[in-house]
Amino acid sequence: MWFTGELDDTEVEIPTNNRPVYIEKQKMVFFDEQMTIDFSESSNSFQLKSPQQILNGRMSFIIKNKTD
C-alpha cells in the first residue's frame, strides 16, 4: 500500500467511507465488490480482504514522494 500525493493515468479512483483509494486499472479484475483494509497487530501489517477471501495478508505502508 502506497501513500502518494498524485494520481497516475493508469489508476482509477475507488470511493470509500473515509478517503479515496487508487487502484491500477489492469488489476481491478482481482478485487471483489466489498473490500476492507485492516491492520493486524499480530503480523504488524495491513491486510486487504473481502468477505470471501484475504487478497493480501501482509501489506506494508510506503510513502511515495515525487522524487521516488
Protein backbone atom coordinates (compact mmCIF):
# COMPACT_ATOMS: atom_id res chain seq x y z
CA MET A 1 0.00 0.00 0.00
CA TRP A 2 1.46 3.34 -1.05
CA PHE A 3 0.60 6.81 0.20
CA THR A 4 1.07 9.22 -2.68
CA GLY A 5 0.11 12.79 -3.45
CA GLU A 6 -0.65 12.36 -7.13
CA LEU A 7 -2.75 10.11 -9.33
CA ASP A 8 -1.17 8.22 -12.23
CA ASP A 9 -3.09 7.99 -15.53
CA THR A 10 -3.04 4.17 -15.23
CA GLU A 11 -5.03 4.31 -11.97
CA VAL A 12 -8.72 4.66 -11.17
CA GLU A 13 -10.25 6.23 -8.04
CA ILE A 14 -12.36 4.00 -5.79
CA PRO A 15 -14.56 5.90 -3.31
CA THR A 16 -14.56 4.63 0.29
CA ASN A 17 -16.23 5.55 3.56
CA ASN A 18 -13.11 7.55 4.54
CA ARG A 19 -10.64 8.52 1.80
CA PRO A 20 -10.42 7.57 -1.86
CA VAL A 21 -8.21 4.65 -2.85
CA TYR A 22 -6.47 4.41 -6.21
CA ILE A 23 -6.04 1.09 -7.99
CA GLU A 24 -4.18 0.25 -11.17
CA LYS A 25 -6.83 -0.25 -13.86
CA GLN A 26 -5.49 -3.60 -15.07
CA LYS A 27 -5.63 -5.05 -11.54
CA MET A 28 -9.31 -4.22 -10.89
CA VAL A 29 -10.38 -7.71 -12.06
CA PHE A 30 -8.83 -9.18 -8.89
CA PHE A 31 -10.92 -7.10 -6.48
CA ASP A 32 -14.31 -8.02 -5.01
CA GLU A 33 -17.26 -5.64 -4.70
CA GLN A 34 -16.73 -5.20 -0.93
CA MET A 35 -13.16 -4.76 0.26
CA THR A 36 -11.63 -3.86 3.63
CA ILE A 37 -8.17 -2.59 4.58
CA ASP A 38 -7.49 -3.71 8.13
CA PHE A 39 -4.47 -3.73 10.44
CA SER A 40 -3.21 -6.91 12.05
CA GLU A 41 -1.32 -6.34 15.29
CA SER A 42 -0.04 -9.92 15.32
CA SER A 43 1.76 -9.50 11.98
CA ASN A 44 2.25 -5.72 12.32
CA SER A 45 0.96 -5.19 8.78
CA PHE A 46 -2.12 -4.18 6.83
CA GLN A 47 -4.49 -6.71 5.27
CA LEU A 48 -6.62 -6.37 2.16
CA LYS A 49 -9.65 -8.63 2.40
CA SER A 50 -13.22 -9.20 1.32
CA PRO A 51 -15.97 -11.33 2.87
CA GLN A 52 -14.87 -14.16 0.54
CA GLN A 53 -11.07 -14.06 0.84
CA ILE A 54 -7.87 -12.38 2.01
CA LEU A 55 -6.20 -10.86 -1.05
CA ASN A 56 -3.05 -9.72 0.73
CA GLY A 57 -2.42 -10.62 4.35
CA ARG A 58 0.82 -8.66 4.78
CA MET A 59 0.80 -5.24 3.13
CA SER A 60 3.43 -2.74 4.15
CA PHE A 61 2.81 1.01 4.08
CA ILE A 62 5.10 3.06 1.82
CA ILE A 63 5.14 6.84 1.47
CA LYS A 64 5.96 7.65 -2.13
CA ASN A 65 7.41 11.09 -2.81
CA LYS A 66 7.56 12.82 -6.20
CA THR A 67 11.31 12.09 -6.40
CA ASP A 68 10.84 8.28 -5.91
